């Protein structure tokens, strides 16, 4: 684990359970799981296969979130970050590591139950996310696990469908671009604090201004790929979504001076618009 051990205090189990739930990064866990479930519903997976996809993604995301907080506990404690249950001693780091291990082990059979190819793709994405936590977070390749993870979602859903068809290239490309945007938007509010702690991922090397200027590029790119990638004429509605995505993508970073999470909120809004475009337009994943 990085750095000194976090401060430990005697905490009763209700408080410890709440701390454990918070340490998994519940917002991203629920968002990514909901995205996978929406894609699974959009392609009409059977109830059983739908449940397997949702459970596999949930288990994988839980393992990644708990690994992240457990590994960063020492760094977070030194930085005095609030809202970090492991760092402030609300839950012992060994408990969080144990939860991460249980979730990770559970992810293995759940993923493979979706199909060999589908499971392999998902497990590779989870492994990339663990690699981010343990190594790549502080390197210029910090964006790569996000790109792999988000590209894996449409791939998992497509390969979990009957016959295990390959996903359309534009769904995978859009997922990868949204993953890069998610990394930039999520990191942007904490760039200076992270740099002080010695983290030198891509956003930290670019700085707040550079990251803010770069963020709209993958957001717009993802929407453009979904609008222009499928064969056939481009509808007026799709073009309207592209224009709206452009406005939101530019507004989020601009508002970041007044609201720390504005850029991330903009990225989430564009991702939601892209998902709606994918489902409402009837664009197939396969």
Protein backbone atom coordinates (compact mmCIF):
# COMPACT_ATOMS: atom_id res chain seq x y z
CA UNK A 1 0.00 0.00 0.00
CA UNK A 2 1.16 3.53 -0.75
CA UNK A 3 2.66 5.47 2.12
CA UNK A 4 1.92 5.38 5.81
CA UNK A 5 -0.96 3.43 7.26
CA UNK A 6 -4.18 5.36 7.83
CA UNK A 7 -5.27 6.39 11.30
CA UNK A 8 -7.33 3.65 12.92
CA UNK A 9 -10.12 4.09 15.42
CA UNK A 10 -12.60 1.77 17.04
CA UNK A 11 -15.74 1.90 14.93
CA UNK A 12 -18.97 -0.01 15.44
CA UNK A 13 -20.20 -2.21 12.60
CA UNK A 14 -23.03 0.09 11.40
CA UNK A 15 -20.48 2.87 10.93
CA UNK A 16 -18.00 0.44 9.45
CA UNK A 17 -20.59 -0.91 7.02
CA UNK A 18 -21.46 2.60 5.92
CA UNK A 19 -17.77 3.39 5.49
CA UNK A 20 -17.28 0.25 3.44
CA UNK A 21 -20.20 1.23 1.19
CA UNK A 22 -18.78 4.72 0.71
CA UNK A 23 -15.28 3.40 0.02
CA UNK A 24 -16.45 1.55 -3.09
CA UNK A 25 -17.03 4.86 -4.92
CA UNK A 26 -20.80 4.27 -5.12
CA UNK A 27 -21.49 6.99 -7.69
CA UNK A 28 -19.25 5.59 -10.44
CA UNK A 29 -20.15 2.02 -9.49
CA UNK A 30 -23.86 2.66 -9.93
CA UNK A 31 -23.38 4.80 -13.04
CA UNK A 32 -21.29 2.22 -14.91
CA UNK A 33 -23.57 -0.64 -13.84
CA UNK A 34 -26.64 1.32 -14.93
CA UNK A 35 -24.98 2.05 -18.30
CA UNK A 36 -24.28 -1.65 -18.85
CA UNK A 37 -27.85 -2.55 -17.88
CA UNK A 38 -29.26 0.09 -20.23
CA UNK A 39 -27.21 -1.32 -23.10
CA UNK A 40 -28.29 -4.85 -22.18
CA UNK A 41 -31.95 -3.80 -22.15
CA UNK A 42 -31.49 -1.99 -25.44
CA UNK A 43 -30.37 -5.14 -27.26
CA UNK A 44 -33.11 -7.22 -25.68
CA UNK A 45 -31.08 -9.68 -23.63
CA UNK A 46 -33.10 -12.34 -21.86
CA UNK A 47 -33.86 -11.65 -18.17
CA UNK A 48 -31.30 -14.22 -17.07
CA UNK A 49 -28.54 -12.90 -19.30
CA UNK A 50 -29.47 -9.32 -18.38
CA UNK A 51 -29.05 -10.18 -14.69
CA UNK A 52 -25.70 -11.85 -15.33
CA UNK A 53 -24.34 -8.83 -17.19
CA UNK A 54 -25.51 -6.47 -14.46
CA UNK A 55 -24.11 -8.64 -11.67
CA UNK A 56 -20.75 -9.10 -13.43
CA UNK A 57 -20.32 -5.37 -14.02
CA UNK A 58 -21.41 -4.55 -10.47
CA UNK A 59 -18.94 -7.04 -8.96
CA UNK A 60 -16.13 -5.75 -11.14
CA UNK A 61 -16.82 -2.12 -10.32
CA UNK A 62 -17.03 -2.85 -6.59
CA UNK A 63 -13.66 -4.60 -6.68
CA UNK A 64 -12.08 -1.67 -8.53
CA UNK A 65 -13.56 0.96 -6.20
CA UNK A 66 -12.49 -0.81 -3.02
CA UNK A 67 -9.03 -1.49 -4.43
CA UNK A 68 -8.66 2.20 -5.23
CA UNK A 69 -9.47 3.45 -1.74
CA UNK A 70 -7.49 0.73 0.01
CA UNK A 71 -4.36 1.34 -2.05
CA UNK A 72 -4.59 5.13 -1.74
CA UNK A 73 -5.39 5.13 1.99
CA UNK A 74 -1.95 6.33 3.10
CA UNK A 75 -1.80 9.09 0.50
CA UNK A 76 -5.35 10.23 1.30
CA UNK A 77 -4.61 10.28 5.03
CA UNK A 78 -1.54 12.45 4.56
CA UNK A 79 -3.49 14.82 2.31
CA UNK A 80 -6.29 15.07 4.88
CA UNK A 81 -8.96 14.26 2.31
CA UNK A 82 -12.46 14.21 3.71
CA UNK A 83 -15.02 11.61 2.73
CA UNK A 84 -12.42 8.85 2.54
CA UNK A 85 -13.52 6.20 5.08
CA UNK A 86 -10.34 4.14 4.85
CA UNK A 87 -8.07 7.13 5.29
CA UNK A 88 -9.95 8.52 8.30
CA UNK A 89 -10.21 5.15 10.03
CA UNK A 90 -13.95 4.56 9.64
CA UNK A 91 -13.19 1.15 8.17
CA UNK A 92 -9.90 -0.81 8.45
CA UNK A 93 -7.87 -1.05 5.29
CA UNK A 94 -7.69 -4.85 5.60
CA UNK A 95 -11.50 -5.02 5.50
CA UNK A 96 -11.58 -2.99 2.29
CA UNK A 97 -8.86 -5.13 0.71
CA UNK A 98 -10.89 -8.19 1.70
CA UNK A 99 -14.04 -6.75 0.15
CA UNK A 100 -12.13 -5.95 -3.05
CA UNK A 101 -10.84 -9.52 -3.20
CA UNK A 102 -14.29 -11.04 -2.64
CA UNK A 103 -15.84 -8.82 -5.31
CA UNK A 104 -13.01 -9.59 -7.71
CA UNK A 105 -13.29 -13.34 -7.20
CA UNK A 106 -17.07 -13.14 -7.63
CA UNK A 107 -16.60 -11.23 -10.87
CA UNK A 108 -14.75 -14.16 -12.44
CA UNK A 109 -17.59 -16.74 -12.67
CA UNK A 110 -20.23 -14.05 -13.24
CA UNK A 111 -18.33 -12.69 -16.22
CA UNK A 112 -17.60 -16.09 -17.76
CA UNK A 113 -21.24 -17.08 -17.31
CA UNK A 114 -22.05 -14.34 -19.85
CA UNK A 115 -20.04 -16.31 -22.41
CA UNK A 116 -16.35 -17.06 -22.85
CA UNK A 117 -15.62 -14.12 -25.17
CA UNK A 118 -17.86 -11.71 -23.27
CA UNK A 119 -16.36 -12.75 -19.95
CA UNK A 120 -12.81 -12.50 -21.21
CA UNK A 121 -13.41 -8.97 -22.49
CA UNK A 122 -14.96 -7.87 -19.21
CA UNK A 123 -12.28 -9.46 -17.06
CA UNK A 124 -9.61 -7.76 -19.17
CA UNK A 125 -11.33 -4.42 -18.50
CA UNK A 126 -11.45 -5.10 -14.76
CA UNK A 127 -7.79 -6.09 -14.79
CA UNK A 128 -6.96 -2.84 -16.60
CA UNK A 129 -8.82 -0.88 -13.93
CA UNK A 130 -6.84 -2.63 -11.17
CA UNK A 131 -3.66 -1.86 -13.08
CA UNK A 132 -4.73 1.79 -13.13
CA UNK A 133 -5.14 1.77 -9.35
CA UNK A 134 -1.84 0.04 -8.67
CA UNK A 135 0.42 1.55 -11.34
CA UNK A 136 -0.92 3.50 -14.33
CA UNK A 137 -2.73 6.19 -12.34
CA UNK A 138 0.56 8.02 -11.87
CA UNK A 139 1.80 7.64 -15.46
CA UNK A 140 1.13 9.24 -18.83
CA UNK A 141 -0.97 6.15 -19.68
CA UNK A 142 -3.52 6.92 -16.97
CA UNK A 143 -6.22 7.36 -19.65
CA UNK A 144 -5.77 3.89 -21.12
CA UNK A 145 -7.66 1.78 -18.52
CA UNK A 146 -10.63 4.15 -18.79
CA UNK A 147 -10.66 3.79 -22.56
CA UNK A 148 -10.43 0.00 -22.28
CA UNK A 149 -13.11 -0.19 -19.59
CA UNK A 150 -15.69 1.93 -21.37
CA UNK A 151 -15.03 0.25 -24.72
CA UNK A 152 -15.59 -3.10 -23.01
CA UNK A 153 -19.18 -2.28 -22.00
CA UNK A 154 -20.76 -2.44 -25.48
CA UNK A 155 -18.43 -5.31 -26.29
CA UNK A 156 -19.58 -7.28 -23.23
CA UNK A 157 -23.25 -6.70 -24.02
CA UNK A 158 -22.87 -7.58 -27.71
CA UNK A 159 -20.84 -10.73 -27.03
CA UNK A 160 -23.32 -11.79 -24.33
CA UNK A 161 -26.11 -11.80 -26.94
CA UNK A 162 -27.17 -15.05 -28.65
CA UNK A 163 -24.49 -16.15 -31.08
CA UNK A 164 -21.89 -13.86 -29.47
CA UNK A 165 -21.75 -11.37 -32.37
CA UNK A 166 -18.94 -8.83 -32.49
CA UNK A 167 -19.90 -5.27 -31.57
CA UNK A 168 -20.09 -2.51 -34.18
CA UNK A 169 -16.86 -0.56 -34.37
CA UNK A 170 -18.49 2.80 -33.70
CA UNK A 171 -19.97 1.64 -30.38
CA UNK A 172 -16.55 0.48 -29.20
CA UNK A 173 -14.84 3.66 -30.43
CA UNK A 174 -17.46 5.87 -28.78
CA UNK A 175 -17.07 3.95 -25.53
CA UNK A 176 -13.30 4.39 -25.57
CA UNK A 177 -13.62 8.14 -26.19
CA UNK A 178 -16.16 8.51 -23.39
CA UNK A 179 -13.77 6.65 -21.12
CA UNK A 180 -11.00 9.13 -21.84
CA UNK A 181 -13.43 11.99 -21.19
CA UNK A 182 -14.53 10.42 -17.92
CA UNK A 183 -10.91 10.23 -16.78
CA UNK A 184 -10.23 13.86 -17.64
CA UNK A 185 -13.46 15.12 -16.06
CA UNK A 186 -13.10 13.04 -12.91
CA UNK A 187 -9.49 14.08 -12.35
CA UNK A 188 -9.84 17.77 -13.19
CA UNK A 189 -11.11 19.00 -9.76
CA UNK A 190 -8.27 17.29 -7.89
CA UNK A 191 -5.32 17.92 -10.21
CA UNK A 192 -3.39 20.22 -7.89
CA UNK A 193 -3.91 18.05 -4.80
CA UNK A 194 -2.91 14.95 -6.76
CA UNK A 195 0.21 16.63 -8.13
CA UNK A 196 1.21 17.60 -4.60
CA UNK A 197 0.88 13.93 -3.66
CA UNK A 198 3.21 12.90 -6.48
CA UNK A 199 0.63 11.64 -8.98
CA UNK A 200 1.66 12.39 -12.56
CA UNK A 201 -1.06 10.98 -14.78
CA UNK A 202 -1.92 12.52 -18.13
CA UNK A 203 -4.25 15.23 -16.70
CA UNK A 204 -1.66 16.20 -14.10
CA UNK A 205 0.98 16.61 -16.80
CA UNK A 206 -1.40 18.74 -18.86
CA UNK A 207 -2.42 20.83 -15.86
CA UNK A 208 -5.90 22.15 -15.10
CA UNK A 209 -5.99 24.48 -18.11
CA UNK A 210 -4.74 21.88 -20.57
CA UNK A 211 -7.15 19.25 -19.25
CA UNK A 212 -10.04 21.69 -19.43
CA UNK A 213 -9.23 22.49 -23.05
CA UNK A 214 -8.77 18.82 -24.01
CA UNK A 215 -11.93 17.47 -22.36
CA UNK A 216 -14.43 18.56 -25.05
CA UNK A 217 -12.45 16.72 -27.74
CA UNK A 218 -13.23 13.11 -26.69
CA UNK A 219 -16.78 14.11 -25.69
CA UNK A 220 -17.51 15.55 -29.12
CA UNK A 221 -15.61 12.72 -30.77
CA UNK A 222 -17.78 10.07 -29.09
CA UNK A 223 -21.00 11.74 -30.19
CA UNK A 224 -19.69 12.33 -33.71
CA UNK A 225 -18.74 8.67 -34.05
CA UNK A 226 -22.23 7.57 -32.98
CA UNK A 227 -23.88 10.06 -35.33
CA UNK A 228 -21.68 9.55 -38.39
CA UNK A 229 -20.46 5.97 -37.92
CA UNK A 230 -23.60 3.94 -38.72
CA UNK A 231 -24.39 3.50 -42.42
CA UNK A 232 -27.22 5.45 -43.96
CA UNK A 233 -28.35 9.07 -43.83
CA UNK A 234 -27.90 11.12 -40.67
CA UNK A 235 -31.18 12.23 -39.14
CA UNK A 236 -32.04 15.73 -37.97
CA UNK A 237 -32.44 14.46 -34.42
CA UNK A 238 -28.96 12.96 -34.43
CA UNK A 239 -27.47 16.21 -35.67
CA UNK A 240 -29.36 18.08 -32.94
CA UNK A 241 -27.87 15.75 -30.32
CA UNK A 242 -24.43 16.38 -31.78
CA UNK A 243 -24.93 20.14 -31.48
CA UNK A 244 -26.26 19.83 -27.94
CA UNK A 245 -23.37 17.59 -26.95
CA UNK A 246 -20.97 20.17 -28.30
CA UNK A 247 -22.54 22.94 -26.25
CA UNK A 248 -22.53 20.87 -23.05
CA UNK A 249 -18.99 19.63 -23.67
CA UNK A 250 -17.74 23.20 -23.95
CA UNK A 251 -19.86 24.58 -21.10
CA UNK A 252 -18.76 21.99 -18.54
CA UNK A 253 -15.07 22.88 -18.48
CA UNK A 254 -15.88 26.60 -18.73
CA UNK A 255 -18.08 26.43 -15.62
CA UNK A 256 -15.41 24.52 -13.74
CA UNK A 257 -14.02 27.74 -12.30
CA UNK A 258 -17.19 28.12 -10.24
CA UNK A 259 -18.22 24.47 -9.71
CA UNK A 260 -15.54 21.86 -9.16
CA UNK A 261 -17.57 19.02 -10.65
CA UNK A 262 -18.95 20.95 -13.65
CA UNK A 263 -16.66 19.25 -16.15
CA UNK A 264 -17.53 15.78 -14.84
CA UNK A 265 -21.24 16.67 -14.84
CA UNK A 266 -20.93 17.78 -18.45
CA UNK A 267 -19.21 14.53 -19.37
CA UNK A 268 -21.99 12.54 -17.70
CA UNK A 269 -24.64 14.60 -19.53
CA UNK A 270 -22.99 13.98 -22.91
CA UNK A 271 -22.65 10.27 -22.09
CA UNK A 272 -26.36 10.15 -21.25
CA UNK A 273 -27.18 11.90 -24.55
CA UNK A 274 -24.98 9.42 -26.41
CA UNK A 275 -26.72 6.50 -24.73
CA UNK A 276 -30.11 7.94 -25.61
CA UNK A 277 -28.98 8.46 -29.19
CA UNK A 278 -27.78 4.87 -29.39
CA UNK A 279 -30.99 3.39 -27.97
CA UNK A 280 -33.63 5.70 -29.44
CA UNK A 281 -32.19 5.71 -32.96
CA UNK A 282 -32.23 1.95 -32.97
CA UNK A 283 -28.53 1.73 -33.77
CA UNK A 284 -27.56 -1.87 -33.09
CA UNK A 285 -24.58 -2.82 -31.00
CA UNK A 286 -24.00 -5.83 -33.23
